[in-house]
Amino acid sequence: MKTLTLAAAAVLFASPALAQTAAPAAPQLNVEIPELERVTADPTCGGKTALVEQRVFCVTTTQAGIGAVVDAYSAAFSTQGWLPAGGSENLIIYVKRKPEGGCDGFQMLAFADDTRVAAPAAPAWLAFAPIPGDVCAAQPAAPAAPAQ
């Protein structure tokens, strides 16, 4: 396995409008991303400029193979102690407890070129990026409603 240091801006996978603003220093996170035969590193992230600017690590595969690749990565991350903690159809958020307390987190985002017709042999990408801060930190309590 290859250990890669992933770096991303504070707002990950930002919309184009947000990606144009200056980003704070990128957080660092060590994640072992296995080298799989069915994927190739893609420094262009499928031409997604916002991801490249955020220094997200991307790989490419085929649309037919993306499910198996996601499963292989998820199994590898599980053996490293990463737990899937949420997400959506194309996004998985992983968390891992730190020995000193709190949690690290990172995201794996799947996407395809939305300007091309979907096809089994067409390219699909996975982007990996850390989530800044302590993802297990308690959210501040909502202020109490004023008494009337």
N, C-alpha and C. Protein backbone atom coordinates (compact mmCIF):
# COMPACT_ATOMS: atom_id res chain seq x y z
N MET A 1 0.83 -1.17 0.00
CA MET A 1 0.00 0.00 0.00
C MET A 1 0.88 1.24 0.00
N LYS A 2 0.38 2.27 -0.57
CA LYS A 2 1.09 3.53 -0.63
C LYS A 2 0.41 4.48 0.35
N THR A 3 1.19 5.15 1.19
CA THR A 3 0.63 6.15 2.09
C THR A 3 0.72 7.49 1.39
N LEU A 4 -0.41 8.12 1.25
CA LEU A 4 -0.47 9.41 0.58
C LEU A 4 -0.91 10.46 1.57
N THR A 5 -0.31 11.61 1.51
CA THR A 5 -0.77 12.72 2.33
C THR A 5 -1.75 13.51 1.49
N LEU A 6 -2.98 13.55 1.96
CA LEU A 6 -4.02 14.27 1.25
C LEU A 6 -4.11 15.68 1.81
N ALA A 7 -4.27 16.65 0.96
CA ALA A 7 -4.44 18.02 1.40
C ALA A 7 -5.63 18.63 0.68
N ALA A 8 -6.40 19.42 1.41
CA ALA A 8 -7.54 20.09 0.79
C ALA A 8 -7.83 21.38 1.52
N ALA A 9 -8.53 22.28 0.86
CA ALA A 9 -8.91 23.54 1.48
C ALA A 9 -10.00 23.30 2.51
N ALA A 10 -10.29 24.30 3.30
CA ALA A 10 -11.27 24.17 4.37
C ALA A 10 -12.65 23.81 3.83
N VAL A 11 -12.98 24.28 2.66
CA VAL A 11 -14.26 23.93 2.06
C VAL A 11 -13.96 22.93 0.95
N LEU A 12 -14.28 21.67 1.19
CA LEU A 12 -13.96 20.62 0.24
C LEU A 12 -15.07 20.46 -0.77
N PHE A 13 -14.67 20.11 -1.97
CA PHE A 13 -15.61 19.90 -3.07
C PHE A 13 -16.54 21.10 -3.20
N ALA A 14 -15.95 22.29 -3.10
CA ALA A 14 -16.72 23.53 -3.10
C ALA A 14 -17.34 23.80 -4.46
N SER A 15 -18.38 24.61 -4.43
CA SER A 15 -18.97 25.05 -5.69
C SER A 15 -17.98 25.99 -6.37
N PRO A 16 -18.10 26.21 -7.68
CA PRO A 16 -17.15 27.09 -8.37
C PRO A 16 -17.07 28.47 -7.74
N ALA A 17 -18.17 29.01 -7.25
CA ALA A 17 -18.13 30.34 -6.65
C ALA A 17 -17.27 30.34 -5.39
N LEU A 18 -17.38 29.32 -4.57
CA LEU A 18 -16.59 29.24 -3.35
C LEU A 18 -15.14 28.93 -3.66
N ALA A 19 -14.89 28.18 -4.71
CA ALA A 19 -13.52 27.78 -5.03
C ALA A 19 -12.67 28.96 -5.46
N GLN A 20 -13.29 30.09 -5.83
CA GLN A 20 -12.54 31.25 -6.28
C GLN A 20 -12.01 32.08 -5.11
N THR A 21 -12.52 31.87 -3.90
CA THR A 21 -12.04 32.63 -2.75
C THR A 21 -10.74 32.04 -2.26
N ALA A 22 -9.95 32.86 -1.58
CA ALA A 22 -8.67 32.39 -1.03
C ALA A 22 -8.94 31.37 0.06
N ALA A 23 -8.19 30.29 0.03
CA ALA A 23 -8.39 29.22 1.00
C ALA A 23 -7.33 29.30 2.09
N PRO A 24 -7.70 28.94 3.33
CA PRO A 24 -6.70 28.89 4.39
C PRO A 24 -5.75 27.73 4.15
N ALA A 25 -4.72 27.64 4.99
CA ALA A 25 -3.74 26.55 4.85
C ALA A 25 -4.46 25.21 4.83
N ALA A 26 -4.04 24.32 3.96
CA ALA A 26 -4.70 23.03 3.79
C ALA A 26 -4.34 22.09 4.93
N PRO A 27 -5.34 21.37 5.49
CA PRO A 27 -5.04 20.40 6.53
C PRO A 27 -4.34 19.18 5.93
N GLN A 28 -3.60 18.48 6.75
CA GLN A 28 -2.89 17.29 6.31
C GLN A 28 -3.50 16.07 7.01
N LEU A 29 -3.56 14.97 6.31
CA LEU A 29 -4.08 13.74 6.86
C LEU A 29 -3.42 12.58 6.14
N ASN A 30 -2.88 11.65 6.89
CA ASN A 30 -2.28 10.47 6.28
C ASN A 30 -3.32 9.37 6.18
N VAL A 31 -3.55 8.93 4.98
CA VAL A 31 -4.49 7.85 4.69
C VAL A 31 -3.79 6.89 3.75
N GLU A 32 -3.85 5.61 4.05
CA GLU A 32 -3.28 4.63 3.14
C GLU A 32 -4.30 4.31 2.06
N ILE A 33 -4.01 4.76 0.86
CA ILE A 33 -4.89 4.50 -0.28
C ILE A 33 -4.21 3.42 -1.10
N PRO A 34 -4.79 2.22 -1.11
CA PRO A 34 -4.12 1.13 -1.82
C PRO A 34 -4.06 1.38 -3.32
N GLU A 35 -3.02 0.84 -3.93
CA GLU A 35 -2.91 0.89 -5.38
C GLU A 35 -3.71 -0.29 -5.93
N LEU A 36 -4.70 0.01 -6.73
CA LEU A 36 -5.54 -1.02 -7.33
C LEU A 36 -5.24 -1.11 -8.82
N GLU A 37 -5.29 -2.32 -9.35
CA GLU A 37 -5.03 -2.51 -10.79
C GLU A 37 -6.03 -1.79 -11.66
N ARG A 38 -7.25 -1.63 -11.19
CA ARG A 38 -8.29 -1.05 -12.04
C ARG A 38 -8.37 0.46 -11.98
N VAL A 39 -7.44 1.12 -11.28
CA VAL A 39 -7.48 2.59 -11.21
C VAL A 39 -6.14 3.19 -11.62
N THR A 40 -6.20 4.45 -12.01
CA THR A 40 -5.01 5.21 -12.38
C THR A 40 -5.10 6.56 -11.68
N ALA A 41 -4.01 7.00 -11.08
CA ALA A 41 -3.99 8.34 -10.47
C ALA A 41 -4.25 9.37 -11.56
N ASP A 42 -5.01 10.40 -11.23
CA ASP A 42 -5.33 11.45 -12.19
C ASP A 42 -5.12 12.81 -11.54
N PRO A 43 -3.97 13.45 -11.77
CA PRO A 43 -3.70 14.75 -11.16
C PRO A 43 -4.62 15.86 -11.66
N THR A 44 -5.36 15.63 -12.75
CA THR A 44 -6.30 16.63 -13.26
C THR A 44 -7.68 16.49 -12.65
N CYS A 45 -7.92 15.41 -11.92
CA CYS A 45 -9.24 15.13 -11.32
C CYS A 45 -10.35 15.25 -12.35
N GLY A 46 -10.11 14.67 -13.52
CA GLY A 46 -11.13 14.69 -14.57
C GLY A 46 -11.42 16.09 -15.08
N GLY A 47 -10.45 16.99 -14.94
CA GLY A 47 -10.63 18.36 -15.41
C GLY A 47 -11.38 19.24 -14.44
N LYS A 48 -11.61 18.77 -13.22
CA LYS A 48 -12.32 19.56 -12.21
C LYS A 48 -11.31 20.52 -11.55
N THR A 49 -11.24 21.72 -12.06
CA THR A 49 -10.27 22.71 -11.61
C THR A 49 -10.36 22.97 -10.11
N ALA A 50 -11.57 23.06 -9.56
CA ALA A 50 -11.73 23.35 -8.13
C ALA A 50 -11.07 22.26 -7.29
N LEU A 51 -11.18 21.00 -7.71
CA LEU A 51 -10.54 19.92 -6.95
C LEU A 51 -9.03 19.99 -7.06
N VAL A 52 -8.53 20.28 -8.26
CA VAL A 52 -7.08 20.38 -8.46
C VAL A 52 -6.52 21.50 -7.59
N GLU A 53 -7.20 22.65 -7.55
CA GLU A 53 -6.75 23.78 -6.75
C GLU A 53 -6.72 23.44 -5.26
N GLN A 54 -7.60 22.55 -4.83
CA GLN A 54 -7.65 22.15 -3.43
C GLN A 54 -6.69 21.01 -3.13
N ARG A 55 -5.92 20.60 -4.12
CA ARG A 55 -4.93 19.54 -3.99
C ARG A 55 -5.55 18.23 -3.49
N VAL A 56 -6.68 17.90 -4.06
CA VAL A 56 -7.37 16.65 -3.77
C VAL A 56 -6.70 15.54 -4.58
N PHE A 57 -6.60 14.35 -4.01
CA PHE A 57 -6.03 13.21 -4.73
C PHE A 57 -7.15 12.50 -5.47
N CYS A 58 -6.99 12.28 -6.78
CA CYS A 58 -8.02 11.64 -7.60
C CYS A 58 -7.47 10.41 -8.32
N VAL A 59 -8.37 9.47 -8.54
CA VAL A 59 -8.08 8.31 -9.38
C VAL A 59 -9.20 8.17 -10.39
N THR A 60 -8.90 7.51 -11.50
CA THR A 60 -9.91 7.28 -12.53
C THR A 60 -10.06 5.78 -12.77
N THR A 61 -11.26 5.40 -13.13
CA THR A 61 -11.60 4.02 -13.49
C THR A 61 -12.71 4.13 -14.53
N THR A 62 -13.47 3.08 -14.73
CA THR A 62 -14.60 3.14 -15.66
C THR A 62 -15.90 3.24 -14.88
N GLN A 63 -16.93 3.70 -15.57
CA GLN A 63 -18.23 3.78 -14.91
C GLN A 63 -18.73 2.39 -14.52
N ALA A 64 -18.44 1.38 -15.32
CA ALA A 64 -18.85 0.02 -14.99
C ALA A 64 -18.10 -0.51 -13.78
N GLY A 65 -16.86 -0.05 -13.57
CA GLY A 65 -16.04 -0.58 -12.49
C GLY A 65 -16.04 0.22 -11.21
N ILE A 66 -16.69 1.38 -11.20
CA ILE A 66 -16.60 2.27 -10.03
C ILE A 66 -17.15 1.62 -8.76
N GLY A 67 -18.20 0.85 -8.86
CA GLY A 67 -18.78 0.21 -7.66
C GLY A 67 -17.79 -0.74 -7.00
N ALA A 68 -17.13 -1.57 -7.80
CA ALA A 68 -16.14 -2.51 -7.26
C ALA A 68 -14.95 -1.77 -6.67
N VAL A 69 -14.55 -0.67 -7.29
CA VAL A 69 -13.43 0.11 -6.78
C VAL A 69 -13.79 0.75 -5.43
N VAL A 70 -14.99 1.30 -5.34
CA VAL A 70 -15.44 1.88 -4.07
C VAL A 70 -15.47 0.80 -2.99
N ASP A 71 -15.96 -0.38 -3.32
CA ASP A 71 -16.00 -1.47 -2.35
C ASP A 71 -14.59 -1.87 -1.90
N ALA A 72 -13.64 -1.93 -2.84
CA ALA A 72 -12.26 -2.29 -2.51
C ALA A 72 -11.63 -1.25 -1.60
N TYR A 73 -11.82 0.02 -1.92
CA TYR A 73 -11.29 1.08 -1.06
C TYR A 73 -11.94 1.05 0.32
N SER A 74 -13.25 0.88 0.36
CA SER A 74 -13.96 0.86 1.64
C SER A 74 -13.46 -0.28 2.52
N ALA A 75 -13.21 -1.44 1.94
CA ALA A 75 -12.68 -2.58 2.70
C ALA A 75 -11.28 -2.26 3.23
N ALA A 76 -10.45 -1.64 2.40
CA ALA A 76 -9.09 -1.27 2.83
C ALA A 76 -9.14 -0.24 3.95
N PHE A 77 -10.00 0.75 3.83
CA PHE A 77 -10.10 1.77 4.87
C PHE A 77 -10.61 1.17 6.18
N SER A 78 -11.52 0.22 6.09
CA SER A 78 -12.04 -0.46 7.28
C SER A 78 -10.93 -1.18 8.04
N THR A 79 -10.02 -1.84 7.32
CA THR A 79 -8.91 -2.54 8.00
C THR A 79 -7.94 -1.56 8.65
N GLN A 80 -7.96 -0.29 8.22
CA GLN A 80 -7.12 0.74 8.82
C GLN A 80 -7.81 1.45 9.98
N GLY A 81 -9.04 1.05 10.29
CA GLY A 81 -9.77 1.66 11.40
C GLY A 81 -10.69 2.80 11.00
N TRP A 82 -10.83 3.09 9.72
CA TRP A 82 -11.74 4.13 9.26
C TRP A 82 -13.16 3.57 9.21
N LEU A 83 -14.11 4.33 9.69
CA LEU A 83 -15.51 3.92 9.69
C LEU A 83 -16.31 4.84 8.77
N PRO A 84 -17.17 4.27 7.91
CA PRO A 84 -18.05 5.13 7.12
C PRO A 84 -19.07 5.77 8.06
N ALA A 85 -19.17 7.09 8.02
CA ALA A 85 -20.01 7.80 8.99
C ALA A 85 -21.14 8.59 8.35
N GLY A 86 -21.24 8.55 7.06
CA GLY A 86 -22.32 9.29 6.42
C GLY A 86 -21.98 9.54 4.97
N GLY A 87 -22.78 10.39 4.37
CA GLY A 87 -22.56 10.73 2.98
C GLY A 87 -23.85 10.78 2.21
N SER A 88 -23.73 10.54 0.92
CA SER A 88 -24.88 10.56 0.03
C SER A 88 -24.61 9.56 -1.08
N GLU A 89 -25.37 9.64 -2.15
CA GLU A 89 -25.24 8.67 -3.24
C GLU A 89 -23.82 8.59 -3.80
N ASN A 90 -23.13 9.72 -3.92
CA ASN A 90 -21.80 9.74 -4.54
C ASN A 90 -20.69 10.14 -3.56
N LEU A 91 -20.98 10.19 -2.29
CA LEU A 91 -20.03 10.68 -1.31
C LEU A 91 -20.06 9.80 -0.06
N ILE A 92 -18.87 9.39 0.39
CA ILE A 92 -18.76 8.67 1.65
C ILE A 92 -17.82 9.45 2.55
N ILE A 93 -18.25 9.68 3.78
CA ILE A 93 -17.43 10.34 4.78
C ILE A 93 -16.93 9.28 5.74
N TYR A 94 -15.61 9.25 5.96
CA TYR A 94 -14.98 8.30 6.86
C TYR A 94 -14.43 9.03 8.07
N VAL A 95 -14.52 8.40 9.24
CA VAL A 95 -13.96 8.97 10.47
C VAL A 95 -13.10 7.92 11.16
N LYS A 96 -12.15 8.44 11.95
CA LYS A 96 -11.26 7.57 12.72
C LYS A 96 -10.90 8.30 14.01
N ARG A 97 -11.10 7.62 15.14
CA ARG A 97 -10.78 8.22 16.43
C ARG A 97 -9.27 8.41 16.57
N LYS A 98 -8.89 9.53 17.17
CA LYS A 98 -7.48 9.80 17.47
C LYS A 98 -7.20 9.33 18.90
N PRO A 99 -6.01 8.79 19.16
CA PRO A 99 -5.69 8.32 20.52
C PRO A 99 -5.85 9.41 21.57
N GLU A 100 -5.56 10.65 21.22
CA GLU A 100 -5.64 11.75 22.19
C GLU A 100 -7.05 12.33 22.31
N GLY A 101 -8.00 11.77 21.58
CA GLY A 101 -9.39 12.23 21.61
C GLY A 101 -9.75 12.94 20.31
N GLY A 102 -11.02 12.97 20.03
CA GLY A 102 -11.49 13.57 18.80
C GLY A 102 -11.34 12.62 17.62
N CYS A 103 -11.63 13.11 16.44
CA CYS A 103 -11.60 12.27 15.25
C CYS A 103 -11.03 13.01 14.05
N ASP A 104 -10.36 12.25 13.20
CA ASP A 104 -9.99 12.71 11.87
C ASP A 104 -11.08 12.26 10.91
N GLY A 105 -11.17 12.91 9.78
CA GLY A 105 -12.14 12.50 8.79
C GLY A 105 -11.66 12.81 7.39
N PHE A 106 -12.17 12.05 6.43
CA PHE A 106 -11.91 12.35 5.03
C PHE A 106 -13.11 11.92 4.20
N GLN A 107 -13.14 12.43 2.98
CA GLN A 107 -14.25 12.18 2.07
C GLN A 107 -13.76 11.45 0.83
N MET A 108 -14.62 10.60 0.30
CA MET A 108 -14.38 9.96 -0.99
C MET A 108 -15.60 10.31 -1.86
N LEU A 109 -15.35 11.07 -2.91
CA LEU A 109 -16.40 11.54 -3.79
C LEU A 109 -16.28 10.86 -5.14
N ALA A 110 -17.37 10.26 -5.63
CA ALA A 110 -17.40 9.63 -6.95
C ALA A 110 -18.10 10.59 -7.92
N PHE A 111 -17.53 10.70 -9.12
CA PHE A 111 -18.17 11.55 -10.12
C PHE A 111 -17.77 11.10 -11.52
N ALA A 112 -18.56 11.54 -12.49
CA ALA A 112 -18.29 11.27 -13.90
C ALA A 112 -18.37 12.60 -14.65
N ASP A 113 -17.94 12.60 -15.89
CA ASP A 113 -18.00 13.79 -16.73
C ASP A 113 -19.45 14.00 -17.14
N ASP A 114 -20.07 15.05 -16.61
CA ASP A 114 -21.49 15.27 -16.88
C ASP A 114 -21.74 15.85 -18.27
N THR A 115 -20.67 16.09 -19.03
CA THR A 115 -20.86 16.58 -20.41
C THR A 115 -20.86 15.43 -21.41
N ARG A 116 -20.60 14.22 -20.94
CA ARG A 116 -20.56 13.05 -21.83
C ARG A 116 -21.69 12.09 -21.48
N VAL A 117 -22.08 11.30 -22.45
CA VAL A 117 -23.12 10.29 -22.24
C VAL A 117 -22.56 9.20 -21.34
N ALA A 118 -23.36 8.78 -20.36
CA ALA A 118 -22.94 7.69 -19.48
C ALA A 118 -22.80 6.41 -20.29
N ALA A 119 -21.72 5.68 -20.04
CA ALA A 119 -21.46 4.42 -20.74
C ALA A 119 -20.54 3.58 -19.88
N PRO A 120 -20.67 2.26 -19.91
CA PRO A 120 -19.84 1.40 -19.06
C PRO A 120 -18.35 1.65 -19.19
N ALA A 121 -17.85 1.92 -20.38
CA ALA A 121 -16.41 2.12 -20.58
C ALA A 121 -15.97 3.57 -20.39
N ALA A 122 -16.92 4.47 -20.18
CA ALA A 122 -16.59 5.89 -19.99
C ALA A 122 -15.90 6.07 -18.63
N PRO A 123 -15.07 7.10 -18.51
CA PRO A 123 -14.34 7.29 -17.26
C PRO A 123 -15.23 7.75 -16.11
N ALA A 124 -14.80 7.37 -14.92
CA ALA A 124 -15.41 7.82 -13.67
C ALA A 124 -14.25 8.06 -12.71
N TRP A 125 -14.44 8.97 -11.77
CA TRP A 125 -13.37 9.35 -10.87
C TRP A 125 -13.78 9.20 -9.42
N LEU A 126 -12.76 9.05 -8.57
CA LEU A 126 -12.91 9.14 -7.12
C LEU A 126 -11.94 10.21 -6.65
N ALA A 127 -12.43 11.11 -5.83
CA ALA A 127 -11.59 12.16 -5.24
C ALA A 127 -11.55 11.93 -3.74
N PHE A 128 -10.35 12.03 -3.17
CA PHE A 128 -10.13 11.82 -1.74
C PHE A 128 -9.61 13.12 -1.13
N ALA A 129 -10.21 13.56 -0.03
CA ALA A 129 -9.76 14.79 0.62
C ALA A 129 -10.08 14.74 2.11
N PRO A 130 -9.17 15.26 2.94
CA PRO A 130 -9.44 15.31 4.38
C PRO A 130 -10.51 16.33 4.71
N ILE A 131 -11.16 16.13 5.83
CA ILE A 131 -12.12 17.10 6.35
C ILE A 131 -11.39 17.85 7.46
N PRO A 132 -11.32 19.16 7.38
CA PRO A 132 -10.59 19.92 8.40
C PRO A 132 -11.25 19.84 9.78
N GLY A 133 -10.43 19.95 10.79
CA GLY A 133 -10.93 20.01 12.16
C GLY A 133 -11.26 18.65 12.73
N ASP A 134 -11.84 18.68 13.90
CA ASP A 134 -12.24 17.48 14.62
C ASP A 134 -13.67 17.14 14.22
N VAL A 135 -13.84 16.10 13.43
CA VAL A 135 -15.18 15.76 12.93
C VAL A 135 -16.07 15.16 14.00
N CYS A 136 -15.52 14.82 15.17
CA CYS A 136 -16.33 14.29 16.27
C CYS A 136 -16.62 15.34 17.33
N ALA A 137 -16.15 16.56 17.14
CA ALA A 137 -16.38 17.62 18.12
C ALA A 137 -17.87 17.89 18.24
N ALA A 138 -18.29 18.12 19.46
CA ALA A 138 -19.69 18.42 19.70
C ALA A 138 -20.04 19.75 19.06
N GLN A 139 -21.19 19.81 18.45
CA GLN A 139 -21.66 21.06 17.86
C GLN A 139 -22.15 21.96 18.99
N PRO A 140 -21.97 23.29 18.87
CA PRO A 140 -22.45 24.19 19.92
C PRO A 140 -23.97 24.06 20.08
N ALA A 141 -24.40 24.13 21.31
CA ALA A 141 -25.84 24.03 21.59
C ALA A 141 -26.54 25.27 21.04
N ALA A 142 -27.72 25.06 20.54
CA ALA A 142 -28.52 26.18 20.03
C ALA A 142 -28.90 27.07 21.21
N PRO A 143 -28.89 28.39 21.02
CA PRO A 143 -29.26 29.26 22.13
C PRO A 143 -30.71 29.01 22.53
N ALA A 144 -30.95 29.12 23.82
CA ALA A 144 -32.31 28.92 24.34
C ALA A 144 -33.21 30.04 23.85
N ALA A 145 -34.46 29.71 23.60
CA ALA A 145 -35.42 30.71 23.17
C ALA A 145 -35.65 31.68 24.32
N PRO A 146 -35.73 32.98 24.03
CA PRO A 146 -35.96 33.95 25.11
C PRO A 146 -37.32 33.72 25.75
N ALA A 147 -37.34 33.90 27.07
CA ALA A 147 -38.61 33.73 27.82
C ALA A 147 -39.52 34.90 27.48
N GLN A 148 -40.82 34.61 27.36
CA GLN A 148 -41.77 35.67 27.03
C GLN A 148 -42.69 35.93 28.16
